[in-house]
Amino acid sequence: MSTTAVPLHPIAKGSLTRLWVGVAAVALAAGGLAWAGQRGVEPSPASFLVHNGGEEGVVTTGSGLQFKVLEEGAGPSPTAADVALVGYKGALLDGTVFDENPQTAMPVDGVVPGFSEGLQKMKKGGKYRLWIPPQLGYGEQAAGPIPANSVLVFDVQLHDFKSKADIMRMQQMMQQGGMPQGAPGR
């Protein structure tokens, strides 16, 4: 049995270094092209929420609502049976504002489920940012300027809240010509 010898020629000094520099340059160019190709592409709601959920201070509830306490309030939180006096700004992920009101009364159970859940986490005077996933917002239904399957971003301040029963009593007293106790002017 005979062995055939293949002559190996020595490689030039520095050739391996140049080879690895070339490989690194190609990898960087590919990464740069991939990054440039993703600019202007909006993330899917699910991928945004996964990424956002890992941000500092963001809490994700069991339902999928995400919130961040911007300023903690004090006292009790409203329930679904209350009417809340809030200031809010609602926007889409791209920053498009679709609704804004510095002070309005709204029944806690009369808004989209994610907003209601967020209100029930707040305390008087608190400011929160809510990220409402599509299933807790408008879902597959487009609503005015809000496209279907949109994540809704709300900055909310809870000014005050009262039970619906208290409000009904106050309205009845006002209709009868009386002022409720503790009302301004008494």
N, C-alpha and C. Protein backbone atom coordinates (compact mmCIF):
# COMPACT_ATOMS: atom_id res chain seq x y z
N MET A 1 0.83 -1.14 0.00
CA MET A 1 0.00 0.00 0.00
C MET A 1 0.90 1.24 0.00
N SER A 2 0.60 2.13 -0.92
CA SER A 2 1.44 3.32 -1.01
C SER A 2 0.59 4.55 -0.70
N THR A 3 1.20 5.54 -0.16
CA THR A 3 0.54 6.79 0.20
C THR A 3 1.01 7.86 -0.76
N THR A 4 0.04 8.59 -1.29
CA THR A 4 0.40 9.67 -2.20
C THR A 4 0.49 10.94 -1.39
N ALA A 5 1.55 11.62 -1.52
CA ALA A 5 1.74 12.87 -0.77
C ALA A 5 1.28 14.03 -1.62
N VAL A 6 0.47 14.91 -1.00
CA VAL A 6 0.01 16.12 -1.67
C VAL A 6 0.84 17.27 -1.12
N PRO A 7 1.49 17.97 -1.98
CA PRO A 7 2.33 19.05 -1.47
C PRO A 7 1.45 20.23 -1.01
N LEU A 8 1.68 20.74 0.18
CA LEU A 8 0.98 21.90 0.71
C LEU A 8 1.90 23.10 0.60
N HIS A 9 1.35 24.15 0.02
CA HIS A 9 2.14 25.36 -0.11
C HIS A 9 1.87 26.24 1.10
N PRO A 10 2.85 26.83 1.65
CA PRO A 10 2.62 27.72 2.80
C PRO A 10 1.81 28.95 2.36
N ILE A 11 0.97 29.43 3.28
CA ILE A 11 0.17 30.61 2.95
C ILE A 11 0.95 31.86 3.37
N ALA A 12 0.63 32.93 2.74
CA ALA A 12 1.35 34.17 3.01
C ALA A 12 1.04 34.66 4.41
N LYS A 13 1.99 35.35 5.01
CA LYS A 13 1.83 35.87 6.35
C LYS A 13 0.69 36.91 6.36
N GLY A 14 -0.24 36.80 7.30
CA GLY A 14 -1.35 37.73 7.42
C GLY A 14 -2.59 37.34 6.63
N SER A 15 -2.55 36.25 5.89
CA SER A 15 -3.71 35.86 5.07
C SER A 15 -4.91 35.49 5.93
N LEU A 16 -4.69 34.77 7.02
CA LEU A 16 -5.80 34.39 7.90
C LEU A 16 -6.43 35.63 8.54
N THR A 17 -5.61 36.59 8.90
CA THR A 17 -6.14 37.82 9.48
C THR A 17 -7.03 38.53 8.48
N ARG A 18 -6.57 38.64 7.24
CA ARG A 18 -7.36 39.29 6.20
C ARG A 18 -8.66 38.52 5.95
N LEU A 19 -8.59 37.21 5.99
CA LEU A 19 -9.79 36.40 5.80
C LEU A 19 -10.83 36.71 6.88
N TRP A 20 -10.42 36.74 8.15
CA TRP A 20 -11.36 37.00 9.25
C TRP A 20 -11.86 38.44 9.24
N VAL A 21 -11.03 39.38 8.83
CA VAL A 21 -11.48 40.77 8.69
C VAL A 21 -12.55 40.84 7.61
N GLY A 22 -12.38 40.13 6.52
CA GLY A 22 -13.36 40.08 5.44
C GLY A 22 -14.68 39.48 5.90
N VAL A 23 -14.61 38.39 6.66
CA VAL A 23 -15.82 37.74 7.19
C VAL A 23 -16.56 38.71 8.12
N ALA A 24 -15.82 39.41 8.99
CA ALA A 24 -16.44 40.37 9.90
C ALA A 24 -17.08 41.52 9.12
N ALA A 25 -16.43 41.99 8.07
CA ALA A 25 -16.98 43.09 7.26
C ALA A 25 -18.28 42.66 6.58
N VAL A 26 -18.32 41.45 6.07
CA VAL A 26 -19.54 40.94 5.43
C VAL A 26 -20.66 40.81 6.46
N ALA A 27 -20.33 40.31 7.65
CA ALA A 27 -21.34 40.17 8.71
C ALA A 27 -21.88 41.53 9.12
N LEU A 28 -21.01 42.53 9.27
CA LEU A 28 -21.47 43.87 9.63
C LEU A 28 -22.33 44.48 8.53
N ALA A 29 -21.94 44.28 7.29
CA ALA A 29 -22.72 44.81 6.17
C ALA A 29 -24.10 44.15 6.14
N ALA A 30 -24.17 42.86 6.37
CA ALA A 30 -25.45 42.15 6.38
C ALA A 30 -26.33 42.66 7.53
N GLY A 31 -25.74 42.84 8.71
CA GLY A 31 -26.49 43.37 9.85
C GLY A 31 -27.00 44.78 9.58
N GLY A 32 -26.17 45.61 8.97
CA GLY A 32 -26.57 46.97 8.63
C GLY A 32 -27.71 46.99 7.63
N LEU A 33 -27.64 46.13 6.63
CA LEU A 33 -28.72 46.05 5.65
C LEU A 33 -30.02 45.55 6.29
N ALA A 34 -29.91 44.59 7.18
CA ALA A 34 -31.10 44.08 7.87
C ALA A 34 -31.72 45.19 8.73
N TRP A 35 -30.89 45.94 9.43
CA TRP A 35 -31.39 47.04 10.26
C TRP A 35 -32.06 48.10 9.40
N ALA A 36 -31.42 48.47 8.31
CA ALA A 36 -31.97 49.49 7.41
C ALA A 36 -33.29 49.02 6.81
N GLY A 37 -33.40 47.75 6.53
CA GLY A 37 -34.63 47.21 5.96
C GLY A 37 -35.79 47.22 6.95
N GLN A 38 -35.49 47.25 8.24
CA GLN A 38 -36.53 47.25 9.27
C GLN A 38 -36.97 48.66 9.66
N ARG A 39 -36.25 49.68 9.25
CA ARG A 39 -36.62 51.06 9.59
C ARG A 39 -37.96 51.39 8.94
N GLY A 40 -38.83 51.98 9.70
CA GLY A 40 -40.14 52.35 9.18
C GLY A 40 -41.15 51.21 9.22
N VAL A 41 -40.72 50.02 9.62
CA VAL A 41 -41.64 48.89 9.71
C VAL A 41 -42.16 48.85 11.15
N GLU A 42 -43.46 48.94 11.30
CA GLU A 42 -44.05 48.91 12.64
C GLU A 42 -44.03 47.49 13.18
N PRO A 43 -43.69 47.34 14.47
CA PRO A 43 -43.73 45.99 15.05
C PRO A 43 -45.17 45.52 15.19
N SER A 44 -45.35 44.23 15.18
CA SER A 44 -46.69 43.70 15.40
C SER A 44 -47.10 44.02 16.84
N PRO A 45 -48.40 44.09 17.13
CA PRO A 45 -48.82 44.36 18.51
C PRO A 45 -48.20 43.37 19.50
N ALA A 46 -48.17 42.10 19.14
CA ALA A 46 -47.63 41.09 20.06
C ALA A 46 -46.15 41.32 20.32
N SER A 47 -45.36 41.59 19.28
CA SER A 47 -43.93 41.78 19.50
C SER A 47 -43.67 43.07 20.27
N PHE A 48 -44.46 44.12 20.01
CA PHE A 48 -44.30 45.35 20.79
C PHE A 48 -44.56 45.08 22.26
N LEU A 49 -45.67 44.39 22.57
CA LEU A 49 -46.04 44.15 23.97
C LEU A 49 -45.02 43.26 24.68
N VAL A 50 -44.44 42.30 23.97
CA VAL A 50 -43.41 41.45 24.58
C VAL A 50 -42.20 42.31 24.94
N HIS A 51 -41.76 43.14 23.99
CA HIS A 51 -40.61 44.01 24.24
C HIS A 51 -40.93 45.02 25.35
N ASN A 52 -42.10 45.67 25.28
CA ASN A 52 -42.48 46.69 26.25
C ASN A 52 -42.61 46.11 27.66
N GLY A 53 -43.08 44.87 27.75
CA GLY A 53 -43.25 44.24 29.06
C GLY A 53 -41.95 44.07 29.81
N GLY A 54 -40.82 44.07 29.11
CA GLY A 54 -39.52 43.94 29.75
C GLY A 54 -38.91 45.28 30.15
N GLU A 55 -39.56 46.38 29.80
CA GLU A 55 -39.02 47.70 30.14
C GLU A 55 -39.16 47.96 31.63
N GLU A 56 -38.28 48.79 32.17
CA GLU A 56 -38.27 49.09 33.60
C GLU A 56 -39.57 49.78 34.02
N GLY A 57 -40.19 49.27 35.09
CA GLY A 57 -41.39 49.87 35.65
C GLY A 57 -42.69 49.44 35.00
N VAL A 58 -42.63 48.70 33.89
CA VAL A 58 -43.85 48.27 33.21
C VAL A 58 -44.35 46.97 33.86
N VAL A 59 -45.64 46.99 34.24
CA VAL A 59 -46.27 45.82 34.86
C VAL A 59 -47.27 45.25 33.86
N THR A 60 -47.25 43.93 33.68
CA THR A 60 -48.21 43.25 32.81
C THR A 60 -49.17 42.46 33.69
N THR A 61 -50.46 42.71 33.54
CA THR A 61 -51.47 42.00 34.34
C THR A 61 -51.78 40.65 33.68
N GLY A 62 -52.55 39.84 34.36
CA GLY A 62 -52.94 38.53 33.84
C GLY A 62 -53.73 38.62 32.54
N SER A 63 -54.46 39.71 32.36
CA SER A 63 -55.26 39.87 31.15
C SER A 63 -54.43 40.34 29.96
N GLY A 64 -53.23 40.85 30.22
CA GLY A 64 -52.37 41.36 29.15
C GLY A 64 -52.23 42.87 29.15
N LEU A 65 -53.01 43.58 29.98
CA LEU A 65 -52.86 45.03 30.11
C LEU A 65 -51.47 45.33 30.65
N GLN A 66 -50.84 46.35 30.10
CA GLN A 66 -49.56 46.80 30.63
C GLN A 66 -49.73 48.23 31.13
N PHE A 67 -49.10 48.51 32.28
CA PHE A 67 -49.16 49.87 32.80
C PHE A 67 -47.86 50.23 33.48
N LYS A 68 -47.65 51.54 33.56
CA LYS A 68 -46.49 52.07 34.27
C LYS A 68 -47.00 53.22 35.13
N VAL A 69 -46.63 53.20 36.41
CA VAL A 69 -47.02 54.26 37.32
C VAL A 69 -46.09 55.44 37.08
N LEU A 70 -46.66 56.55 36.61
CA LEU A 70 -45.86 57.76 36.39
C LEU A 70 -45.85 58.60 37.66
N GLU A 71 -46.98 58.58 38.37
CA GLU A 71 -47.09 59.29 39.64
C GLU A 71 -48.14 58.55 40.47
N GLU A 72 -47.72 58.07 41.64
CA GLU A 72 -48.64 57.30 42.48
C GLU A 72 -49.63 58.23 43.17
N GLY A 73 -50.89 57.81 43.21
CA GLY A 73 -51.92 58.57 43.91
C GLY A 73 -52.02 58.10 45.35
N ALA A 74 -53.12 58.50 46.02
CA ALA A 74 -53.33 58.11 47.41
C ALA A 74 -54.78 57.72 47.61
N GLY A 75 -55.00 56.87 48.60
CA GLY A 75 -56.37 56.48 48.95
C GLY A 75 -56.83 55.25 48.20
N PRO A 76 -58.16 55.06 48.20
CA PRO A 76 -58.72 53.86 47.57
C PRO A 76 -58.72 53.97 46.04
N SER A 77 -59.00 52.87 45.41
CA SER A 77 -59.11 52.80 43.94
C SER A 77 -60.58 52.70 43.55
N PRO A 78 -60.94 53.19 42.38
CA PRO A 78 -62.34 53.06 41.94
C PRO A 78 -62.68 51.61 41.62
N THR A 79 -63.97 51.31 41.65
CA THR A 79 -64.46 49.99 41.28
C THR A 79 -65.26 50.12 39.99
N ALA A 80 -65.71 49.02 39.46
CA ALA A 80 -66.51 49.04 38.23
C ALA A 80 -67.83 49.77 38.43
N ALA A 81 -68.27 49.92 39.69
CA ALA A 81 -69.55 50.58 39.99
C ALA A 81 -69.39 52.08 40.20
N ASP A 82 -68.21 52.63 39.90
CA ASP A 82 -67.95 54.05 40.13
C ASP A 82 -67.92 54.83 38.82
N VAL A 83 -68.00 56.15 38.97
CA VAL A 83 -67.80 57.08 37.86
C VAL A 83 -66.52 57.84 38.18
N ALA A 84 -65.59 57.84 37.24
CA ALA A 84 -64.28 58.46 37.47
C ALA A 84 -64.19 59.79 36.74
N LEU A 85 -63.54 60.74 37.37
CA LEU A 85 -63.22 62.02 36.75
C LEU A 85 -61.75 61.94 36.36
N VAL A 86 -61.49 61.89 35.06
CA VAL A 86 -60.13 61.66 34.57
C VAL A 86 -59.72 62.68 33.52
N GLY A 87 -58.42 62.80 33.34
CA GLY A 87 -57.84 63.49 32.21
C GLY A 87 -57.04 62.44 31.47
N TYR A 88 -57.09 62.45 30.14
CA TYR A 88 -56.39 61.40 29.41
C TYR A 88 -55.99 61.88 28.02
N LYS A 89 -55.02 61.16 27.46
CA LYS A 89 -54.63 61.32 26.06
C LYS A 89 -54.43 59.92 25.51
N GLY A 90 -55.16 59.61 24.43
CA GLY A 90 -55.07 58.29 23.80
C GLY A 90 -54.35 58.40 22.48
N ALA A 91 -53.39 57.49 22.26
CA ALA A 91 -52.60 57.52 21.04
C ALA A 91 -52.36 56.10 20.54
N LEU A 92 -51.96 56.02 19.28
CA LEU A 92 -51.54 54.75 18.70
C LEU A 92 -50.03 54.59 18.92
N LEU A 93 -49.49 53.42 18.60
CA LEU A 93 -48.06 53.19 18.80
C LEU A 93 -47.19 54.15 18.01
N ASP A 94 -47.69 54.63 16.87
CA ASP A 94 -46.89 55.56 16.06
C ASP A 94 -46.98 56.99 16.57
N GLY A 95 -47.70 57.21 17.68
CA GLY A 95 -47.81 58.53 18.28
C GLY A 95 -49.01 59.34 17.84
N THR A 96 -49.79 58.81 16.89
CA THR A 96 -50.99 59.52 16.43
C THR A 96 -52.01 59.61 17.56
N VAL A 97 -52.36 60.83 17.98
CA VAL A 97 -53.34 61.03 19.05
C VAL A 97 -54.74 60.91 18.45
N PHE A 98 -55.56 60.03 19.02
CA PHE A 98 -56.91 59.85 18.51
C PHE A 98 -57.97 60.44 19.44
N ASP A 99 -57.61 60.73 20.69
CA ASP A 99 -58.56 61.32 21.62
C ASP A 99 -57.80 61.94 22.78
N GLU A 100 -58.35 63.04 23.29
CA GLU A 100 -57.69 63.72 24.41
C GLU A 100 -58.72 64.57 25.13
N ASN A 101 -58.69 64.53 26.46
CA ASN A 101 -59.61 65.33 27.25
C ASN A 101 -58.94 65.58 28.60
N PRO A 102 -58.78 66.85 29.00
CA PRO A 102 -58.10 67.13 30.27
C PRO A 102 -58.94 66.78 31.50
N GLN A 103 -60.28 66.76 31.34
CA GLN A 103 -61.13 66.45 32.48
C GLN A 103 -62.51 66.02 32.00
N THR A 104 -62.84 64.78 32.23
CA THR A 104 -64.16 64.28 31.86
C THR A 104 -64.58 63.17 32.82
N ALA A 105 -65.88 63.06 33.02
CA ALA A 105 -66.42 61.99 33.86
C ALA A 105 -66.77 60.81 32.97
N MET A 106 -66.44 59.62 33.43
CA MET A 106 -66.79 58.41 32.67
C MET A 106 -67.04 57.25 33.62
N PRO A 107 -68.09 56.46 33.34
CA PRO A 107 -68.33 55.27 34.16
C PRO A 107 -67.17 54.29 33.96
N VAL A 108 -66.66 53.77 35.04
CA VAL A 108 -65.51 52.86 34.96
C VAL A 108 -65.86 51.63 34.13
N ASP A 109 -67.11 51.18 34.19
CA ASP A 109 -67.50 50.00 33.41
C ASP A 109 -68.04 50.37 32.03
N GLY A 110 -67.94 51.64 31.64
CA GLY A 110 -68.49 52.08 30.36
C GLY A 110 -67.43 52.37 29.30
N VAL A 111 -66.24 51.87 29.51
CA VAL A 111 -65.13 52.10 28.57
C VAL A 111 -64.58 50.74 28.13
N VAL A 112 -63.61 50.74 27.22
CA VAL A 112 -63.04 49.45 26.78
C VAL A 112 -62.46 48.72 28.00
N PRO A 113 -62.46 47.39 27.99
CA PRO A 113 -62.05 46.62 29.17
C PRO A 113 -60.65 46.98 29.70
N GLY A 114 -59.70 47.23 28.82
CA GLY A 114 -58.35 47.56 29.28
C GLY A 114 -58.29 48.89 30.02
N PHE A 115 -59.06 49.88 29.56
CA PHE A 115 -59.10 51.18 30.23
C PHE A 115 -59.76 51.03 31.60
N SER A 116 -60.84 50.26 31.65
CA SER A 116 -61.54 50.01 32.92
C SER A 116 -60.60 49.32 33.92
N GLU A 117 -59.88 48.31 33.47
CA GLU A 117 -58.95 47.60 34.36
C GLU A 117 -57.86 48.55 34.86
N GLY A 118 -57.35 49.38 33.96
CA GLY A 118 -56.32 50.34 34.36
C GLY A 118 -56.83 51.33 35.39
N LEU A 119 -58.05 51.86 35.20
CA LEU A 119 -58.63 52.80 36.17
C LEU A 119 -58.75 52.16 37.55
N GLN A 120 -59.11 50.89 37.58
CA GLN A 120 -59.30 50.20 38.86
C GLN A 120 -57.99 49.92 39.58
N LYS A 121 -56.86 50.11 38.91
CA LYS A 121 -55.54 49.96 39.54
C LYS A 121 -55.06 51.28 40.14
N MET A 122 -55.65 52.39 39.70
CA MET A 122 -55.18 53.72 40.08
C MET A 122 -55.78 54.19 41.41
N LYS A 123 -55.14 55.20 41.98
CA LYS A 123 -55.64 55.87 43.17
C LYS A 123 -55.81 57.36 42.83
N LYS A 124 -56.64 58.07 43.61
CA LYS A 124 -56.88 59.50 43.35
C LYS A 124 -55.56 60.25 43.23
N GLY A 125 -55.47 61.07 42.20
CA GLY A 125 -54.28 61.87 41.98
C GLY A 125 -53.19 61.15 41.21
N GLY A 126 -53.37 59.87 40.94
CA GLY A 126 -52.35 59.09 40.25
C GLY A 126 -52.30 59.36 38.76
N LYS A 127 -51.12 59.16 38.18
CA LYS A 127 -50.93 59.26 36.74
C LYS A 127 -50.30 57.95 36.26
N TYR A 128 -50.95 57.33 35.27
CA TYR A 128 -50.47 56.07 34.73
C TYR A 128 -50.35 56.17 33.22
N ARG A 129 -49.49 55.34 32.66
CA ARG A 129 -49.48 55.11 31.21
C ARG A 129 -49.97 53.67 31.03
N LEU A 130 -50.99 53.53 30.18
CA LEU A 130 -51.58 52.21 29.90
C LEU A 130 -51.26 51.82 28.46
N TRP A 131 -50.88 50.56 28.27
CA TRP A 131 -50.76 49.98 26.94
C TRP A 131 -51.82 48.90 26.88
N ILE A 132 -52.85 49.17 26.09
CA ILE A 132 -54.00 48.26 26.03
C ILE A 132 -53.88 47.39 24.79
N PRO A 133 -53.72 46.06 24.97
CA PRO A 133 -53.62 45.18 23.80
C PRO A 133 -54.95 45.13 23.04
N PRO A 134 -54.90 44.76 21.77
CA PRO A 134 -56.13 44.76 20.95
C PRO A 134 -57.30 44.03 21.59
N GLN A 135 -57.06 42.89 22.22
CA GLN A 135 -58.17 42.11 22.78
C GLN A 135 -58.84 42.81 23.96
N LEU A 136 -58.18 43.82 24.56
CA LEU A 136 -58.80 44.59 25.65
C LEU A 136 -59.22 45.98 25.18
N GLY A 137 -59.04 46.23 23.88
CA GLY A 137 -59.44 47.51 23.29
C GLY A 137 -60.57 47.29 22.32
N TYR A 138 -60.30 47.58 21.04
CA TYR A 138 -61.34 47.44 20.01
C TYR A 138 -61.18 46.17 19.19
N GLY A 139 -60.12 45.38 19.44
CA GLY A 139 -59.93 44.11 18.76
C GLY A 139 -59.85 44.23 17.26
N GLU A 140 -60.56 43.37 16.57
CA GLU A 140 -60.53 43.33 15.11
C GLU A 140 -61.43 44.39 14.48
N GLN A 141 -62.10 45.17 15.30
CA GLN A 141 -63.02 46.21 14.82
C GLN A 141 -62.29 47.55 14.77
N ALA A 142 -62.28 48.19 13.61
CA ALA A 142 -61.75 49.55 13.52
C ALA A 142 -62.76 50.49 14.15
N ALA A 143 -62.28 51.54 14.82
CA ALA A 143 -63.18 52.50 15.48
C ALA A 143 -62.71 53.91 15.15
N GLY A 144 -63.34 54.54 14.15
CA GLY A 144 -62.94 55.89 13.74
C GLY A 144 -61.49 55.90 13.27
N PRO A 145 -60.64 56.71 13.92
CA PRO A 145 -59.24 56.80 13.50
C PRO A 145 -58.38 55.65 14.02
N ILE A 146 -58.99 54.72 14.76
CA ILE A 146 -58.23 53.61 15.35
C ILE A 146 -58.34 52.39 14.45
N PRO A 147 -57.23 51.96 13.84
CA PRO A 147 -57.28 50.76 12.98
C PRO A 147 -57.56 49.50 13.80
N ALA A 148 -58.04 48.47 13.14
CA ALA A 148 -58.28 47.18 13.78
C ALA A 148 -56.97 46.65 14.35
N ASN A 149 -57.05 45.89 15.42
CA ASN A 149 -55.92 45.23 16.07
C ASN A 149 -54.82 46.20 16.51
N SER A 150 -55.23 47.36 17.02
CA SER A 150 -54.26 48.36 17.47
C SER A 150 -54.01 48.26 18.97
N VAL A 151 -52.75 48.47 19.35
CA VAL A 151 -52.41 48.67 20.76
C VAL A 151 -52.74 50.14 21.05
N LEU A 152 -53.49 50.38 22.11
CA LEU A 152 -53.86 51.74 22.50
C LEU A 152 -52.95 52.19 23.63
N VAL A 153 -52.43 53.40 23.54
CA VAL A 153 -51.53 53.94 24.57
C VAL A 153 -52.24 55.13 25.20
N PHE A 154 -52.49 55.05 26.49
CA PHE A 154 -53.18 56.12 27.20
C PHE A 154 -52.31 56.65 28.33
N ASP A 155 -52.22 57.97 28.42
CA ASP A 155 -51.70 58.62 29.61
C ASP A 155 -52.94 59.09 30.35
N VAL A 156 -53.11 58.62 31.60
CA VAL A 156 -54.34 58.86 32.35
C VAL A 156 -54.01 59.45 33.71
N GLN A 157 -54.77 60.47 34.10
CA GLN A 157 -54.70 61.00 35.46
C GLN A 157 -56.08 60.85 36.08
N LEU A 158 -56.12 60.22 37.24
CA LEU A 158 -57.38 60.03 37.97
C LEU A 158 -57.55 61.20 38.94
N HIS A 159 -58.46 62.14 38.61
CA HIS A 159 -58.69 63.30 39.46
C HIS A 159 -59.52 62.93 40.69
N ASP A 160 -60.59 62.17 40.46
CA ASP A 160 -61.51 61.83 41.55
C ASP A 160 -62.44 60.73 41.06
N PHE A 161 -63.21 60.14 41.97
CA PHE A 161 -64.26 59.19 41.57
C PHE A 161 -65.33 59.16 42.65
N LYS A 162 -66.53 58.82 42.23
CA LYS A 162 -67.66 58.67 43.14
C LYS A 162 -68.47 57.47 42.68
N SER A 163 -69.22 56.89 43.60
CA SER A 163 -70.07 55.77 43.23
C SER A 163 -71.25 56.30 42.40
N LYS A 164 -71.79 55.45 41.56
CA LYS A 164 -72.95 55.84 40.76
C LYS A 164 -74.13 56.20 41.67
N ALA A 165 -74.25 55.52 42.80
CA ALA A 165 -75.34 55.80 43.76
C ALA A 165 -75.18 57.21 44.32
N ASP A 166 -73.96 57.61 44.68
CA ASP A 166 -73.73 58.97 45.19
C ASP A 166 -74.09 60.02 44.14
N ILE A 167 -73.74 59.76 42.92
CA ILE A 167 -74.03 60.71 41.84
C ILE A 167 -75.54 60.82 41.62
N MET A 168 -76.23 59.69 41.67
CA MET A 168 -77.69 59.71 41.52
C MET A 168 -78.32 60.54 42.65
N ARG A 169 -77.85 60.35 43.89
CA ARG A 169 -78.37 61.11 45.03
C ARG A 169 -78.12 62.61 44.84
N MET A 170 -76.93 62.95 44.38
CA MET A 170 -76.59 64.36 44.15
C MET A 170 -77.49 64.95 43.07
N GLN A 171 -77.73 64.20 42.01
CA GLN A 171 -78.59 64.69 40.93
C GLN A 171 -80.03 64.89 41.43
N GLN A 172 -80.53 63.97 42.23
CA GLN A 172 -81.88 64.08 42.76
C GLN A 172 -82.00 65.30 43.67
N MET A 173 -81.01 65.52 44.49
CA MET A 173 -81.04 66.67 45.39
C MET A 173 -80.99 67.98 44.59
N MET A 174 -80.21 68.00 43.53
CA MET A 174 -80.11 69.21 42.71
C MET A 174 -81.43 69.47 41.98
N GLN A 175 -82.09 68.41 41.54
CA GLN A 175 -83.38 68.57 40.86
C GLN A 175 -84.45 69.05 41.83
N GLN A 176 -84.31 68.71 43.10
CA GLN A 176 -85.28 69.11 44.10
C GLN A 176 -84.92 70.49 44.67
N GLY A 177 -83.86 71.09 44.19
CA GLY A 177 -83.49 72.44 44.61
C GLY A 177 -82.53 72.49 45.78
N GLY A 178 -82.12 71.38 46.30
CA GLY A 178 -81.19 71.37 47.42
C GLY A 178 -79.76 71.16 46.94
N MET A 179 -78.83 71.50 47.79
CA MET A 179 -77.42 71.25 47.48
C MET A 179 -76.96 70.10 48.34
N PRO A 180 -76.21 69.19 47.80
CA PRO A 180 -75.70 68.10 48.63
C PRO A 180 -74.72 68.63 49.67
N GLN A 181 -74.66 67.95 50.81
CA GLN A 181 -73.73 68.36 51.85
C GLN A 181 -72.31 68.22 51.34
N GLY A 182 -71.48 69.19 51.68
CA GLY A 182 -70.10 69.15 51.25
C GLY A 182 -69.89 69.74 49.88
N ALA A 183 -70.97 70.20 49.24
CA ALA A 183 -70.84 70.79 47.91
C ALA A 183 -70.36 72.22 48.06
N PRO A 184 -69.68 72.75 47.09
CA PRO A 184 -69.19 74.13 47.15
C PRO A 184 -70.37 75.10 47.33
N GLY A 185 -70.15 76.15 48.07
CA GLY A 185 -71.19 77.15 48.26
C GLY A 185 -71.96 76.98 49.57
N ARG A 186 -71.71 75.93 50.30
CA ARG A 186 -72.42 75.72 51.59
C ARG A 186 -71.46 75.83 52.73
